[in-house]
């Protein structure tokens, strides 16, 4: 009886040891890997860029009601009309109605010009209907009822386009005739403008001002030190200013950086700046000037830019990344890099075997490295290789279970 109890105890102990071993084996992995992936990294610095450019304030004339001809952010030519001035508000309302009717006429005439139903992109048409419907729902649910009429017109236009694209019969002749009649009536009732506001220079018309139009001009580039940049303040905009003309050439981005960061650049360098501007996420620039502070502890980098659009014209400052060079290759964790026999490389797991492969490091930071993607030799790091990031007693040819 006693021997039977001892035997049972021994069996239970063996089973427990085996179970514990299995649990530990499943949880503990002596080798940890990460997949090598292809990526592109930028070697550069993050800045808060301040835009410097020549801007001309646009002033209103006393008396009368303005009706803008140039939309906000649009390009205007020298002596081009920005706004007309009328005696009363009714003329401006009439002009707004004329613009609306003209838009409807143009929309219908464009739809009627479809003559190739097979060429119609029905998916694109359906997508436009959905977007118009979504815009209307968002406008109404957000309490923005002022935009409801515009949303409704866009939705009706989208539905009409889909009807034509699907080959369904639709007679817009009576609607078009009614709109043209309404346009003629509105045009006949419009009084002559009593005055106009014209652009002194060509560029982009921006209706909002920020007070830096007269302080951040291209005349200050030579003297713009870190101390002066810190002291720049916005001025009070005169009450009669209705906007500004932003020059579409010769403009700059200035940023304060440490003296060590400034040493990475020299005047004349051609670089790329990443921006938060949707229409211009990458902008080619040239280093125009590097102005050192009086204490030699910091500097102002000034970049010359040649591209301009309506979104950039409305921007004064924003987060940016100055890219000196881009590197493309295989990205692996920095802790995977090892030196074996004076050669830099990484261990990769192939099946159950560890293999050491040499790498040519193109770029590195605190967390990862980018290695050159090579193809001429089998004994190189390849895309999707399992790179060993943790393991003990690693060596070329080691078998792991």
Protein backbone atom coordinates (compact mmCIF):
# COMPACT_ATOMS: atom_id res chain seq x y z
CA UNK A 1 0.00 0.00 0.00
CA UNK A 2 2.82 2.31 0.93
CA UNK A 3 4.74 1.57 -2.31
CA UNK A 4 1.59 2.30 -4.34
CA UNK A 5 1.28 5.73 -2.73
CA UNK A 6 4.92 6.51 -3.45
CA UNK A 7 4.47 5.46 -7.06
CA UNK A 8 1.41 7.69 -7.48
CA UNK A 9 3.31 10.61 -5.96
CA UNK A 10 6.25 10.02 -8.31
CA UNK A 11 3.96 9.87 -11.37
CA UNK A 12 2.18 13.08 -10.37
CA UNK A 13 5.54 14.80 -9.86
CA UNK A 14 6.78 13.69 -13.28
CA UNK A 15 3.57 14.87 -14.94
CA UNK A 16 3.85 18.23 -13.15
CA UNK A 17 7.47 18.68 -14.21
CA UNK A 18 6.57 17.82 -17.82
CA UNK A 19 3.63 20.25 -17.79
CA UNK A 20 5.75 23.05 -16.33
CA UNK A 21 8.43 22.37 -18.95
CA UNK A 22 5.88 22.57 -21.75
CA UNK A 23 4.45 25.84 -20.44
CA UNK A 24 7.89 27.42 -20.08
CA UNK A 25 8.91 26.20 -23.55
CA UNK A 26 5.79 27.71 -25.10
CA UNK A 27 6.23 31.06 -23.34
CA UNK A 28 9.98 31.45 -23.54
CA UNK A 29 11.54 31.82 -26.94
CA UNK A 30 15.34 32.10 -26.86
CA UNK A 31 15.29 33.72 -30.32
CA UNK A 32 13.32 36.85 -31.11
CA UNK A 33 13.10 38.13 -34.69
CA UNK A 34 11.70 41.03 -36.69
CA UNK A 35 10.98 41.10 -40.41
CA UNK A 36 13.21 43.24 -42.64
CA UNK A 37 10.98 45.73 -44.49
CA UNK A 38 11.70 48.16 -47.31
CA UNK A 39 11.37 51.81 -46.30
CA UNK A 40 12.58 55.34 -46.98
CA UNK A 41 13.90 57.60 -44.24
CA UNK A 42 14.84 61.26 -44.29
CA UNK A 43 17.98 62.70 -42.76
CA UNK A 44 16.91 66.14 -41.64
CA UNK A 45 15.70 68.40 -38.86
CA UNK A 46 12.23 69.42 -37.69
CA UNK A 47 11.57 73.15 -37.69
CA UNK A 48 8.78 75.66 -37.26
CA UNK A 49 8.99 77.55 -40.51
CA UNK A 50 8.06 81.23 -40.67
CA UNK A 51 7.13 82.46 -44.14
CA UNK A 52 8.63 85.72 -45.39
CA UNK A 53 7.37 87.32 -48.58
CA UNK A 54 6.41 90.61 -50.19
CA UNK A 55 2.74 91.35 -49.65
CA UNK A 56 0.65 94.31 -50.71
CA UNK A 57 -2.31 95.36 -48.57
CA UNK A 58 -5.58 95.88 -50.42
CA UNK A 59 -7.67 98.76 -49.07
CA UNK A 60 -11.36 99.46 -49.52
CA UNK A 61 -12.91 102.67 -50.76
CA UNK A 62 -15.26 104.58 -48.49
CA UNK A 63 -18.97 104.42 -49.26
CA UNK A 64 -20.89 101.71 -51.00
CA UNK A 65 -21.07 97.91 -50.78
CA UNK A 66 -18.32 95.66 -52.06
CA UNK A 67 -18.91 92.54 -54.12
CA UNK A 68 -15.78 90.42 -54.55
CA UNK A 69 -14.96 89.28 -58.05
CA UNK A 70 -11.77 87.50 -57.00
CA UNK A 71 -12.36 84.54 -54.70
CA UNK A 72 -10.19 84.02 -51.65
CA UNK A 73 -6.91 82.39 -52.66
CA UNK A 74 -7.37 82.99 -56.38
CA UNK A 75 -4.64 84.38 -58.62
CA UNK A 76 -5.10 87.93 -59.89
CA UNK A 77 -3.27 89.84 -62.59
CA UNK A 78 -1.88 93.33 -62.21
CA UNK A 79 -4.78 95.82 -62.50
CA UNK A 80 -7.22 92.90 -62.32
CA UNK A 81 -10.54 93.61 -60.58
CA UNK A 82 -10.74 92.28 -57.03
CA UNK A 83 -14.12 93.78 -56.14
CA UNK A 84 -16.81 96.06 -57.52
CA UNK A 85 -18.47 98.74 -55.41
CA UNK A 86 -22.20 99.37 -55.53
CA UNK A 87 -24.54 101.84 -53.87
CA UNK A 88 -26.46 99.29 -51.83
CA UNK A 89 -26.62 95.68 -50.69
CA UNK A 90 -29.25 94.66 -53.23
CA UNK A 91 -26.74 94.88 -56.08
CA UNK A 92 -24.39 92.49 -54.28
CA UNK A 93 -27.29 90.06 -53.68
CA UNK A 94 -28.18 90.26 -57.36
CA UNK A 95 -24.60 89.44 -58.32
CA UNK A 96 -24.58 86.46 -55.96
CA UNK A 97 -27.76 85.19 -57.60
CA UNK A 98 -26.22 85.71 -61.04
CA UNK A 99 -23.21 83.63 -60.04
CA UNK A 100 -25.50 80.88 -58.76
CA UNK A 101 -27.59 80.80 -61.95
CA UNK A 102 -24.48 80.80 -64.12
CA UNK A 103 -23.15 77.81 -62.18
CA UNK A 104 -26.40 75.90 -62.74
CA UNK A 105 -26.41 76.71 -66.47
CA UNK A 106 -22.81 75.60 -66.86
CA UNK A 107 -23.55 72.40 -64.95
CA UNK A 108 -26.52 71.48 -67.16
CA UNK A 109 -24.69 72.32 -70.40
CA UNK A 110 -21.77 70.19 -69.29
CA UNK A 111 -24.08 67.26 -68.53
CA UNK A 112 -25.81 67.60 -71.92
CA UNK A 113 -22.41 67.49 -73.64
CA UNK A 114 -21.97 63.83 -72.60
CA UNK A 115 -22.18 61.88 -75.85
CA UNK A 116 -20.30 58.70 -75.02
CA UNK A 117 -22.16 56.66 -72.41
CA UNK A 118 -19.58 53.87 -72.54
CA UNK A 119 -16.88 56.33 -71.52
CA UNK A 120 -18.82 57.46 -68.45
CA UNK A 121 -17.19 56.33 -65.22
CA UNK A 122 -20.24 55.16 -63.26
CA UNK A 123 -18.19 54.44 -60.14
CA UNK A 124 -16.92 58.01 -60.14
CA UNK A 125 -20.45 59.34 -60.66
CA UNK A 126 -21.82 57.21 -57.81
CA UNK A 127 -18.96 58.34 -55.59
CA UNK A 128 -19.84 61.95 -56.33
CA UNK A 129 -23.47 61.30 -55.34
CA UNK A 130 -22.36 59.72 -52.07
CA UNK A 131 -20.01 62.60 -51.25
CA UNK A 132 -22.74 65.15 -51.97
CA UNK A 133 -25.15 63.27 -49.73
CA UNK A 134 -22.54 62.98 -46.96
CA UNK A 135 -21.82 66.71 -47.14
CA UNK A 136 -25.53 67.51 -46.79
CA UNK A 137 -25.89 65.18 -43.78
CA UNK A 138 -22.81 66.66 -42.07
CA UNK A 139 -24.01 70.22 -42.77
CA UNK A 140 -27.47 69.63 -41.32
CA UNK A 141 -26.37 67.50 -38.36
CA UNK A 142 -23.76 70.10 -37.45
CA UNK A 143 -26.31 72.90 -37.51
CA UNK A 144 -24.70 74.60 -40.51
CA UNK A 145 -27.92 75.42 -42.30
CA UNK A 146 -26.31 78.29 -44.23
CA UNK A 147 -24.65 75.72 -46.49
CA UNK A 148 -27.76 73.58 -46.95
CA UNK A 149 -28.81 75.20 -50.24
CA UNK A 150 -25.38 74.64 -51.79
CA UNK A 151 -25.33 71.02 -50.57
CA UNK A 152 -28.80 70.46 -52.03
CA UNK A 153 -27.78 71.85 -55.42
CA UNK A 154 -24.65 69.67 -55.48
CA UNK A 155 -26.69 66.57 -54.67
CA UNK A 156 -29.29 67.31 -57.37
CA UNK A 157 -26.51 67.92 -59.89
CA UNK A 158 -24.84 64.63 -58.95
CA UNK A 159 -28.11 62.71 -59.27
CA UNK A 160 -28.76 64.25 -62.69
CA UNK A 161 -25.26 63.30 -63.85
CA UNK A 162 -25.82 59.72 -62.75
CA UNK A 163 -29.15 59.64 -64.58
CA UNK A 164 -27.47 60.70 -67.82
CA UNK A 165 -24.47 58.40 -67.29
CA UNK A 166 -26.85 55.44 -66.93
CA UNK A 167 -28.50 56.31 -70.23
CA UNK A 168 -31.83 57.27 -68.73
CA UNK A 169 -33.85 59.87 -70.59
CA UNK A 170 -33.84 63.30 -69.01
CA UNK A 171 -35.14 66.51 -70.57
CA UNK A 172 -33.37 69.56 -69.20
CA UNK A 173 -34.34 71.89 -72.05
CA UNK A 174 -37.17 73.60 -70.14
CA UNK A 175 -35.01 73.97 -67.00
CA UNK A 176 -32.16 75.40 -69.06
CA UNK A 177 -34.46 77.87 -70.80
CA UNK A 178 -35.89 78.99 -67.45
CA UNK A 179 -32.42 79.55 -66.02
CA UNK A 180 -31.31 81.59 -69.02
CA UNK A 181 -34.45 83.70 -68.74
CA UNK A 182 -33.76 84.25 -65.03
CA UNK A 183 -30.18 85.22 -65.86
CA UNK A 184 -31.33 87.80 -68.39
CA UNK A 185 -33.74 89.32 -65.86
CA UNK A 186 -31.09 89.49 -63.13
CA UNK A 187 -28.52 91.00 -65.47
CA UNK A 188 -30.98 93.66 -66.63
CA UNK A 189 -31.73 94.68 -63.03
CA UNK A 190 -28.06 95.02 -62.05
CA UNK A 191 -26.95 98.66 -61.73
CA UNK A 192 -23.56 99.81 -62.95
CA UNK A 193 -20.74 99.62 -60.40
CA UNK A 194 -19.82 102.99 -58.87
CA UNK A 195 -16.21 101.92 -58.45
CA UNK A 196 -13.74 99.06 -58.53
CA UNK A 197 -10.87 97.80 -56.41
CA UNK A 198 -7.98 96.56 -58.51
CA UNK A 199 -4.79 94.64 -57.79
CA UNK A 200 -1.67 96.80 -57.73
CA UNK A 201 0.48 93.75 -58.47
CA UNK A 202 -0.02 90.24 -59.75
CA UNK A 203 -0.19 87.41 -57.23
CA UNK A 204 -2.69 85.61 -55.02
CA UNK A 205 -5.52 87.48 -53.34
CA UNK A 206 -5.95 86.51 -49.69
CA UNK A 207 -8.84 88.04 -47.77
CA UNK A 208 -7.29 87.56 -44.30
CA UNK A 209 -4.34 89.49 -42.88
CA UNK A 210 -2.18 88.64 -39.85
CA UNK A 211 -0.28 91.86 -39.11
CA UNK A 212 3.07 90.60 -40.41
CA UNK A 213 2.63 91.99 -43.92
CA UNK A 214 4.81 95.04 -43.24
CA UNK A 215 7.34 93.39 -40.89
CA UNK A 216 8.18 90.07 -42.56
CA UNK A 217 9.36 91.34 -45.93
CA UNK A 218 12.30 90.25 -48.06
CA UNK A 219 14.20 93.41 -47.04
CA UNK A 220 15.07 91.90 -43.64
CA UNK A 221 16.80 88.75 -44.88
CA UNK A 222 20.36 90.00 -44.36
CA UNK A 223 19.71 91.17 -40.79
CA UNK A 224 17.35 88.44 -39.62
CA UNK A 225 19.31 86.99 -36.69
CA UNK A 226 17.81 84.68 -34.04
CA UNK A 227 17.47 87.69 -31.72
CA UNK A 228 15.55 89.67 -34.33
CA UNK A 229 13.40 86.68 -35.26
CA UNK A 230 12.37 86.28 -31.61
CA UNK A 231 11.40 89.95 -31.39
CA UNK A 232 9.21 90.07 -34.50
CA UNK A 233 5.64 91.02 -33.60
CA UNK A 234 2.44 91.49 -35.56
CA UNK A 235 1.22 95.03 -36.24
CA UNK A 236 -2.33 96.30 -36.06
CA UNK A 237 -4.01 96.01 -39.44
CA UNK A 238 -5.70 99.25 -40.61
CA UNK A 239 -9.48 99.14 -40.55
CA UNK A 240 -9.83 99.84 -44.27
CA UNK A 241 -7.77 96.78 -45.31
CA UNK A 242 -9.86 94.06 -47.00
CA UNK A 243 -7.07 91.65 -47.83
CA UNK A 244 -3.66 91.40 -49.46
CA UNK A 245 -1.89 90.38 -52.63
CA UNK A 246 0.76 87.73 -52.01
CA UNK A 247 3.59 87.83 -54.52
CA UNK A 248 3.97 84.57 -56.44
CA UNK A 249 7.75 84.85 -56.70
CA UNK A 250 10.69 85.48 -54.36
CA UNK A 251 9.50 84.17 -51.00
CA UNK A 252 11.31 82.48 -48.14
CA UNK A 253 11.02 80.22 -45.10
CA UNK A 254 12.98 81.16 -41.97
CA UNK A 255 13.63 78.95 -38.94
CA UNK A 256 15.71 79.20 -35.79
CA UNK A 257 18.01 76.21 -35.19
CA UNK A 258 20.95 75.33 -32.95
CA UNK A 259 24.43 76.23 -34.13
CA UNK A 260 25.30 72.53 -34.52
CA UNK A 261 22.27 71.93 -36.74
CA UNK A 262 23.17 74.94 -38.89
CA UNK A 263 26.62 73.46 -39.57
CA UNK A 264 25.00 70.70 -41.62
CA UNK A 265 24.07 73.22 -44.31
CA UNK A 266 25.73 75.81 -46.49
CA UNK A 267 24.40 78.56 -48.70
CA UNK A 268 23.36 77.26 -52.09
CA UNK A 269 22.38 73.76 -50.91
CA UNK A 270 19.36 72.34 -52.75
CA UNK A 271 17.04 70.56 -50.34
CA UNK A 272 13.49 69.32 -49.89
CA UNK A 273 11.16 70.55 -47.15
CA UNK A 274 8.28 68.35 -46.01
CA UNK A 275 5.24 70.44 -45.05
CA UNK A 276 1.75 69.91 -43.65
CA UNK A 277 0.29 71.58 -46.76
CA UNK A 278 -1.90 69.04 -48.54
CA UNK A 279 -1.35 70.54 -51.98
CA UNK A 280 2.44 70.78 -51.47
CA UNK A 281 3.68 68.05 -49.09
CA UNK A 282 7.20 68.25 -50.52
CA UNK A 283 8.75 71.54 -51.56
CA UNK A 284 12.12 72.06 -53.30
CA UNK A 285 14.13 74.87 -51.67
CA UNK A 286 17.60 76.40 -51.69
CA UNK A 287 19.52 77.59 -48.66
CA UNK A 288 19.62 81.37 -49.14
CA UNK A 289 21.29 82.55 -45.92
CA UNK A 290 22.58 81.30 -42.58
CA UNK A 291 22.58 84.11 -40.01
CA UNK A 292 24.44 83.38 -36.77
CA UNK A 293 23.32 84.79 -33.40
CA UNK A 294 25.44 87.26 -31.44
CA UNK A 295 26.31 84.53 -28.91
CA UNK A 296 27.06 82.03 -31.69
CA UNK A 297 24.75 79.54 -29.98
CA UNK A 298 22.00 79.51 -32.61
CA UNK A 299 21.30 80.53 -36.19
CA UNK A 300 18.49 81.35 -38.58
CA UNK A 301 18.27 79.21 -41.69
CA UNK A 302 16.58 81.01 -44.59
CA UNK A 303 15.34 78.90 -47.49
CA UNK A 304 14.41 80.33 -50.88
CA UNK A 305 11.26 78.94 -52.52
CA UNK A 306 9.95 79.37 -56.05
CA UNK A 307 6.64 77.49 -56.02
CA UNK A 308 3.41 79.09 -54.85
CA UNK A 309 -0.30 78.26 -54.77
CA UNK A 310 -3.43 79.44 -52.95
CA UNK A 311 -2.83 77.25 -49.88
CA UNK A 312 0.75 78.44 -49.45
CA UNK A 313 -0.35 82.05 -49.98
CA UNK A 314 -2.64 81.79 -46.95
CA UNK A 315 0.02 80.23 -44.71
CA UNK A 316 2.33 82.14 -42.33
CA UNK A 317 3.97 79.41 -40.26
CA UNK A 318 3.82 75.69 -39.62
CA UNK A 319 5.72 72.53 -38.72
CA UNK A 320 8.18 71.41 -41.39
CA UNK A 321 11.04 68.96 -41.87
CA UNK A 322 14.17 70.03 -43.70
CA UNK A 323 15.46 66.98 -45.59
CA UNK A 324 19.12 66.94 -46.49
CA UNK A 325 19.04 63.47 -47.99
CA UNK A 326 16.70 60.50 -48.30
CA UNK A 327 17.76 56.89 -47.81
CA UNK A 328 15.92 53.83 -49.12
CA UNK A 329 16.66 50.28 -48.08
CA UNK A 330 15.86 47.51 -45.63
CA UNK A 331 14.83 48.66 -42.17
CA UNK A 332 15.83 46.58 -39.13
CA UNK A 333 16.09 47.39 -35.40
CA UNK A 334 19.37 48.95 -34.39
CA UNK A 335 19.96 46.35 -31.67
CA UNK A 336 20.11 43.65 -34.38
CA UNK A 337 23.40 45.07 -35.73
CA UNK A 338 26.46 43.04 -34.67
CA UNK A 339 30.17 42.92 -35.44
CA UNK A 340 31.64 39.50 -36.26
CA UNK A 341 35.27 39.17 -37.32
CA UNK A 342 35.43 42.95 -37.83
CA UNK A 343 32.47 42.78 -40.20
CA UNK A 344 29.15 44.51 -39.55
CA UNK A 345 26.05 42.45 -40.13
CA UNK A 346 22.95 40.83 -38.69
CA UNK A 347 21.86 37.30 -37.87
CA UNK A 348 18.86 36.00 -39.80
CA UNK A 349 16.77 32.94 -39.01
CA UNK A 350 16.29 30.62 -41.98
CA UNK A 351 14.19 27.64 -41.05
CA UNK A 352 15.91 26.37 -37.90
CA UNK A 353 19.34 27.73 -38.74
CA UNK A 354 20.99 31.02 -37.79
CA UNK A 355 22.97 32.72 -40.56
CA UNK A 356 25.20 35.79 -40.36
CA UNK A 357 24.97 38.23 -43.29
CA UNK A 358 26.96 41.41 -43.82
CA UNK A 359 25.11 44.70 -44.28
CA UNK A 360 25.98 48.12 -45.61
CA UNK A 361 24.37 50.66 -43.27
CA UNK A 362 23.06 53.71 -45.15
CA UNK A 363 21.29 55.47 -42.29
CA UNK A 364 20.84 55.04 -38.57
CA UNK A 365 19.05 56.66 -35.67
CA UNK A 366 18.38 55.70 -32.06
CA UNK A 367 15.91 52.93 -32.88
CA UNK A 368 16.62 51.49 -36.33
CA UNK A 369 19.07 51.28 -39.24
CA UNK A 370 18.51 51.24 -42.99
CA UNK A 371 20.67 48.81 -44.92
CA UNK A 372 21.45 48.80 -48.61
CA UNK A 373 19.25 46.38 -50.54
CA UNK A 374 21.63 44.03 -52.38
CA UNK A 375 20.77 41.31 -54.86
CA UNK A 376 24.02 40.12 -56.43
CA UNK A 377 24.91 37.68 -53.67
CA UNK A 378 22.95 35.06 -51.78
CA UNK A 379 24.72 35.86 -48.53
CA UNK A 380 23.05 39.27 -48.09
CA UNK A 381 20.10 40.66 -46.19
CA UNK A 382 16.92 40.26 -48.20
CA UNK A 383 13.43 41.70 -48.04
CA UNK A 384 11.25 39.84 -45.49
CA UNK A 385 14.22 38.09 -43.87
CA UNK A 386 13.62 37.28 -40.19
CA UNK A 387 16.32 39.32 -38.45
CA UNK A 388 17.37 38.18 -34.98
CA UNK A 389 16.94 40.95 -32.44
CA UNK A 390 17.45 38.85 -29.29
CA UNK A 391 19.31 35.64 -28.63
CA UNK A 392 22.21 34.12 -26.69
CA UNK A 393 25.37 32.42 -27.95
CA UNK A 394 24.59 33.26 -31.56
CA UNK A 395 26.93 32.12 -34.30
CA UNK A 396 26.79 31.41 -38.02
CA UNK A 397 25.26 27.98 -38.65
CA UNK A 398 23.69 27.55 -35.21
CA UNK A 399 20.65 25.25 -35.11
CA UNK A 400 17.75 26.41 -32.97
CA UNK A 401 14.70 24.40 -31.93
